[in-house]
Protein backbone atom coordinates (compact mmCIF):
# COMPACT_ATOMS: atom_id res chain seq x y z
CA MET A 1 85.96 -26.23 15.74
CA THR A 2 84.15 -25.67 19.09
CA PRO A 3 85.11 -28.37 21.65
CA HIS A 4 82.35 -30.54 23.12
CA LEU A 5 81.23 -29.04 26.45
CA PRO A 6 78.99 -30.37 29.20
CA LEU A 7 75.43 -29.11 28.84
CA LYS A 8 75.60 -26.58 31.72
CA LYS A 9 78.91 -25.17 30.50
CA HIS A 10 77.63 -25.22 26.93
CA ASN A 11 74.62 -23.13 27.94
CA LYS A 12 76.85 -20.61 29.68
CA TYR A 13 79.16 -20.49 26.69
CA THR A 14 76.22 -19.94 24.34
CA ALA A 15 74.78 -17.18 26.51
CA PHE A 16 78.17 -15.49 26.73
CA LYS A 17 78.65 -15.74 22.96
CA ASN A 18 75.18 -14.31 22.30
CA ALA A 19 75.85 -11.42 24.69
CA LEU A 20 79.06 -10.61 22.89
CA GLN A 21 77.27 -10.60 19.54
CA VAL A 22 74.60 -8.22 20.90
CA LEU A 23 77.23 -5.87 22.29
CA LEU A 24 79.15 -5.94 19.05
CA ALA A 25 75.96 -5.16 17.09
CA LEU A 26 75.14 -2.25 19.41
CA PHE A 27 78.72 -0.91 19.04
CA LEU A 28 78.58 -1.07 15.26
CA CYS A 29 75.18 0.60 15.21
CA ALA A 30 76.36 3.38 17.52
CA THR A 31 79.44 3.89 15.39
CA GLN A 32 77.47 3.97 12.17
CA PHE A 33 75.01 6.54 13.39
CA ALA A 34 77.32 8.58 15.63
CA PRO A 35 77.07 12.29 14.81
CA ALA A 36 79.82 13.62 12.60
CA GLU A 37 82.34 16.07 14.01
CA PRO A 38 81.14 19.66 13.73
CA ALA A 39 82.13 21.44 10.53
CA ASP A 40 83.39 24.99 10.21
CA THR A 41 80.77 27.48 9.04
CA TYR A 42 81.04 30.83 7.29
CA GLN A 43 80.33 34.53 7.36
CA VAL A 44 79.74 36.44 4.10
CA ILE A 45 82.05 39.45 3.91
CA HIS A 46 81.21 40.69 0.39
CA THR A 47 79.09 39.53 -2.54
CA TYR A 48 80.22 40.14 -6.10
CA PRO A 49 78.55 39.52 -9.48
CA HIS A 50 79.47 36.36 -11.40
CA ASP A 51 78.60 35.23 -14.90
CA SER A 52 75.59 32.92 -14.48
CA GLN A 53 76.44 31.30 -17.84
CA ALA A 54 79.89 30.19 -16.64
CA PHE A 55 80.07 26.49 -15.79
CA THR A 56 82.85 27.08 -13.30
CA GLN A 57 85.48 24.35 -13.27
CA GLY A 58 88.65 26.15 -12.22
CA LEU A 59 89.21 29.39 -10.32
CA PHE A 60 92.09 31.30 -8.72
CA TYR A 61 93.00 34.89 -7.81
CA LEU A 62 96.30 36.56 -8.71
CA ASP A 63 97.57 40.14 -9.08
CA GLY A 64 94.19 41.73 -8.55
CA HIS A 65 92.20 39.56 -10.96
CA LEU A 66 90.20 36.35 -10.99
CA TYR A 67 91.15 33.67 -13.52
CA GLU A 68 88.46 31.18 -14.38
CA SER A 69 88.05 28.05 -16.49
CA ALA A 70 84.48 27.51 -17.65
CA GLY A 71 83.41 24.11 -18.95
CA GLU A 72 80.84 22.32 -21.14
CA TYR A 73 81.31 21.23 -24.72
CA GLY A 74 80.89 24.13 -27.13
CA ARG A 75 81.02 26.64 -24.27
CA SER A 76 84.42 26.12 -22.66
CA SER A 77 86.68 29.09 -22.11
CA LEU A 78 89.58 30.67 -20.26
CA ARG A 79 88.86 34.03 -18.64
CA MET A 80 90.42 36.87 -16.69
CA GLU A 81 87.80 38.82 -14.75
CA GLU A 82 87.44 41.92 -12.67
CA LEU A 83 86.45 40.95 -9.14
CA GLU A 84 84.29 43.93 -8.31
CA THR A 85 82.13 43.88 -11.42
CA GLY A 86 82.46 40.34 -12.73
CA SER A 87 83.40 41.80 -16.12
CA ILE A 88 85.38 39.56 -18.47
CA LEU A 89 88.64 41.43 -19.23
CA GLN A 90 90.15 38.72 -21.37
CA LEU A 91 88.68 35.65 -23.04
CA HIS A 92 89.89 32.61 -24.92
CA ASP A 93 87.29 30.19 -26.24
CA LEU A 94 88.26 26.53 -26.60
CA PRO A 95 87.33 24.45 -29.62
CA SER A 96 83.98 22.77 -29.16
CA LYS A 97 85.50 19.30 -28.82
CA TYR A 98 87.05 20.23 -25.46
CA PHE A 99 85.39 20.35 -22.03
CA ALA A 100 87.55 22.67 -19.90
CA GLU A 101 88.22 21.77 -16.31
CA GLY A 102 90.71 22.83 -13.59
CA LEU A 103 93.02 25.84 -13.84
CA THR A 104 96.09 27.16 -12.04
CA ASP A 105 99.10 29.37 -12.60
CA TRP A 106 102.71 28.27 -12.92
CA GLY A 107 105.30 31.03 -13.21
CA ASN A 108 104.22 33.25 -16.11
CA THR A 109 101.87 30.61 -17.50
CA LEU A 110 98.35 29.30 -17.01
CA VAL A 111 97.71 25.54 -16.97
CA GLN A 112 94.23 24.34 -17.93
CA LEU A 113 92.87 20.77 -17.80
CA THR A 114 90.38 19.13 -20.08
CA TRP A 115 87.92 16.55 -18.80
CA LYS A 116 88.18 13.42 -20.94
CA GLU A 117 90.22 14.70 -23.90
CA ARG A 118 93.50 13.86 -22.12
CA GLU A 119 95.12 17.15 -23.09
CA VAL A 120 96.46 19.89 -20.91
CA PHE A 121 96.88 23.43 -22.27
CA VAL A 122 99.65 25.80 -21.20
CA TYR A 123 99.11 29.52 -21.96
CA ASP A 124 101.06 32.72 -21.61
CA ARG A 125 99.39 34.36 -18.59
CA VAL A 126 99.39 37.86 -20.08
CA SER A 127 98.33 37.21 -23.66
CA PHE A 128 96.47 33.91 -23.29
CA HIS A 129 98.55 32.71 -26.24
CA LEU A 130 98.68 28.91 -26.32
CA LEU A 131 102.28 27.89 -25.75
CA ARG A 132 101.99 24.12 -25.79
CA THR A 133 99.74 21.13 -25.30
CA LEU A 134 100.74 18.24 -23.04
CA PRO A 135 99.23 14.71 -22.92
CA TYR A 136 97.76 13.45 -19.66
CA PRO A 137 96.69 9.80 -19.25
CA GLY A 138 93.48 10.31 -17.22
CA ASP A 139 90.51 12.51 -16.54
CA GLY A 140 91.03 16.07 -15.41
CA TRP A 141 88.81 17.65 -12.76
CA GLY A 142 90.48 20.19 -10.39
CA LEU A 143 93.94 21.72 -10.39
CA THR A 144 96.11 23.74 -8.03
CA GLN A 145 99.82 23.99 -7.15
CA ASP A 146 101.95 24.06 -4.01
CA GLY A 147 105.02 25.83 -5.43
CA THR A 148 106.70 22.51 -6.26
CA HIS A 149 104.07 20.38 -8.01
CA LEU A 150 100.79 20.74 -9.80
CA ILE A 151 98.07 18.93 -7.83
CA LEU A 152 95.30 17.32 -9.86
CA SER A 153 91.99 15.68 -8.93
CA ASP A 154 90.21 13.22 -11.21
CA GLY A 155 86.89 12.66 -9.40
CA THR A 156 88.23 9.76 -7.30
CA ALA A 157 89.75 9.84 -3.80
CA THR A 158 93.24 10.23 -5.29
CA LEU A 159 95.17 13.49 -5.68
CA HIS A 160 98.08 13.42 -8.13
CA PHE A 161 101.23 15.50 -7.63
CA LEU A 162 102.69 16.24 -11.08
CA ASP A 163 105.90 17.69 -12.46
CA PRO A 164 104.82 21.13 -13.87
CA GLN A 165 106.96 20.75 -16.99
CA THR A 166 106.25 17.17 -18.02
CA LEU A 167 103.13 16.22 -16.02
CA HIS A 168 104.90 13.06 -14.91
CA GLU A 169 103.54 11.92 -11.59
CA ALA A 170 105.86 12.43 -8.61
CA ARG A 171 103.53 10.94 -6.03
CA GLN A 172 99.87 10.57 -5.09
CA ILE A 173 97.77 10.58 -1.95
CA LYS A 174 94.46 8.91 -1.09
CA VAL A 175 92.06 11.33 0.60
CA THR A 176 90.34 9.84 3.62
CA ASP A 177 88.11 10.99 6.46
CA HIS A 178 88.41 8.76 9.55
CA GLY A 179 89.77 6.04 7.34
CA LYS A 180 87.05 6.19 4.69
CA PRO A 181 87.89 7.39 1.15
CA VAL A 182 86.53 10.76 0.10
CA THR A 183 85.59 10.71 -3.57
CA GLN A 184 84.22 13.30 -6.04
CA LEU A 185 87.13 15.64 -5.30
CA ASN A 186 86.64 18.57 -7.70
CA GLU A 187 87.98 22.14 -7.79
CA LEU A 188 91.10 22.65 -5.68
CA GLU A 189 93.01 25.50 -3.99
CA PHE A 190 96.22 25.40 -1.95
CA ILE A 191 95.78 27.59 1.15
CA HIS A 192 98.04 27.87 4.19
CA GLY A 193 99.74 24.56 3.47
CA GLN A 194 96.48 22.67 3.01
CA ILE A 195 94.52 21.54 -0.02
CA TYR A 196 90.97 22.83 -0.11
CA ALA A 197 88.66 20.70 -2.26
CA ASN A 198 85.09 21.06 -3.39
CA ILE A 199 83.18 17.78 -3.15
CA TRP A 200 80.98 17.57 -6.26
CA HIS A 201 77.22 17.97 -5.65
CA THR A 202 77.70 18.91 -1.99
CA ASP A 203 77.89 22.20 -0.09
CA ARG A 204 81.11 21.20 1.65
CA ILE A 205 84.78 21.95 1.22
CA ALA A 206 87.35 19.49 2.60
CA ARG A 207 90.63 20.74 4.08
CA ILE A 208 93.20 18.05 3.24
CA SER A 209 96.73 17.33 4.47
CA PRO A 210 99.04 17.22 1.39
CA ALA A 211 101.36 14.86 3.26
CA THR A 212 98.89 12.21 4.43
CA GLY A 213 95.67 12.81 2.48
CA LYS A 214 93.71 12.94 5.75
CA VAL A 215 90.79 15.39 5.92
CA LEU A 216 91.77 17.94 8.58
CA GLY A 217 88.33 19.54 8.66
CA TRP A 218 85.24 20.53 6.73
CA ILE A 219 83.69 23.87 5.81
CA ASP A 220 79.92 23.70 5.50
CA LEU A 221 78.61 26.30 3.00
CA SER A 222 74.97 25.25 3.10
CA GLY A 223 72.61 28.10 2.25
CA LEU A 224 75.28 30.29 0.71
CA LEU A 225 73.43 30.80 -2.58
CA PRO A 226 69.65 31.06 -2.18
CA ALA A 227 67.76 28.26 -3.88
CA SER A 228 65.86 30.83 -5.92
CA ASP A 229 69.15 31.84 -7.59
CA LYS A 230 70.02 28.31 -8.69
CA SER A 231 69.22 27.51 -12.31
CA GLY A 232 69.17 23.72 -11.95
CA ALA A 233 70.63 20.55 -10.45
CA GLU A 234 74.10 21.22 -11.85
CA ALA A 235 74.33 24.75 -10.33
CA VAL A 236 76.46 23.37 -7.53
CA LEU A 237 79.20 24.79 -5.34
CA ASN A 238 82.50 24.72 -7.27
CA GLY A 239 85.19 27.30 -7.24
CA ILE A 240 87.70 28.33 -4.55
CA ALA A 241 90.09 31.28 -4.89
CA TYR A 242 92.48 32.81 -2.36
CA ASP A 243 94.02 36.26 -2.26
CA GLN A 244 97.33 35.75 -0.49
CA VAL A 245 98.14 39.45 -0.29
CA HIS A 246 94.96 40.44 1.58
CA ASP A 247 94.06 37.05 3.07
CA ARG A 248 90.71 36.81 1.32
CA LEU A 249 88.83 33.64 0.50
CA PHE A 250 86.39 33.55 -2.42
CA VAL A 251 83.93 30.86 -3.42
CA THR A 252 81.34 30.45 -6.17
CA GLY A 253 79.60 27.72 -8.10
CA LYS A 254 78.72 26.45 -11.57
CA LEU A 255 76.17 28.77 -13.19
CA TRP A 256 76.03 30.90 -10.08
CA PRO A 257 75.18 34.63 -10.50
CA LYS A 258 77.23 35.52 -7.45
CA LEU A 259 80.75 35.07 -6.06
CA TYR A 260 81.28 35.41 -2.33
CA GLU A 261 84.15 36.53 -0.15
CA ILE A 262 83.74 34.58 3.06
CA LYS A 263 85.28 34.30 6.49
CA VAL A 264 85.54 30.76 7.88
CA ILE A 265 84.05 30.42 11.37
CA PRO A 266 85.76 27.56 13.26
CA ALA A 267 83.51 24.81 14.61
CA THR A 268 82.67 24.71 18.27
CA HIS A 269 83.65 21.29 19.58
């Protein structure tokens, strides 16, 4: 309750209160519309062909080849591809009831997510022979690994760290940028101790701390694929692969006819 004040003091109090409210409103407005921190940009080093029919959900590079998980019901597959030509060297088609999602390697195996079917497939990496199927209690979007755990995204702001043998959750982190949750986390790649994540339906990749979940920076890939090469609204950026031996970063998208090797150009602050 506001105490009763003499009229003169009350007028001064009201004016002071109103001034504070105006200042607070101006502060909130300035904060809301303050320009975002500059994002890293890119330079294209090489352009390679990519299957424009592949609805890219998972991607990584290992031992000279690309491994890709392509989605959509009735069209989902697991692939090993030649980088230079985009040729499919090995192919495993999934039954039509599955929508394939993220993909990573673990030892001599490949681990592939499904979207809403709550099943995870483990294959022999050489033969693509299905070794086992594991249950998972939620949606599967992106998948990578840090040498200790599998790291899974499910479209929310949460990343799940899983035991590679059982898929039991060891821990989770909430991804935030300046305190605000970052959702729509999609395809993942673990690079130089950070988690790189595509943000669905955007041209940006977030670089995330695996310890805290904080976004350490952004890579803006706007304009990478010409609009004339995009087949529709779902032909969005999705697919990050890293060649550890030669320090090369590759990116592509769903239904993209091209895959790019890029160099990240740090932002000028």
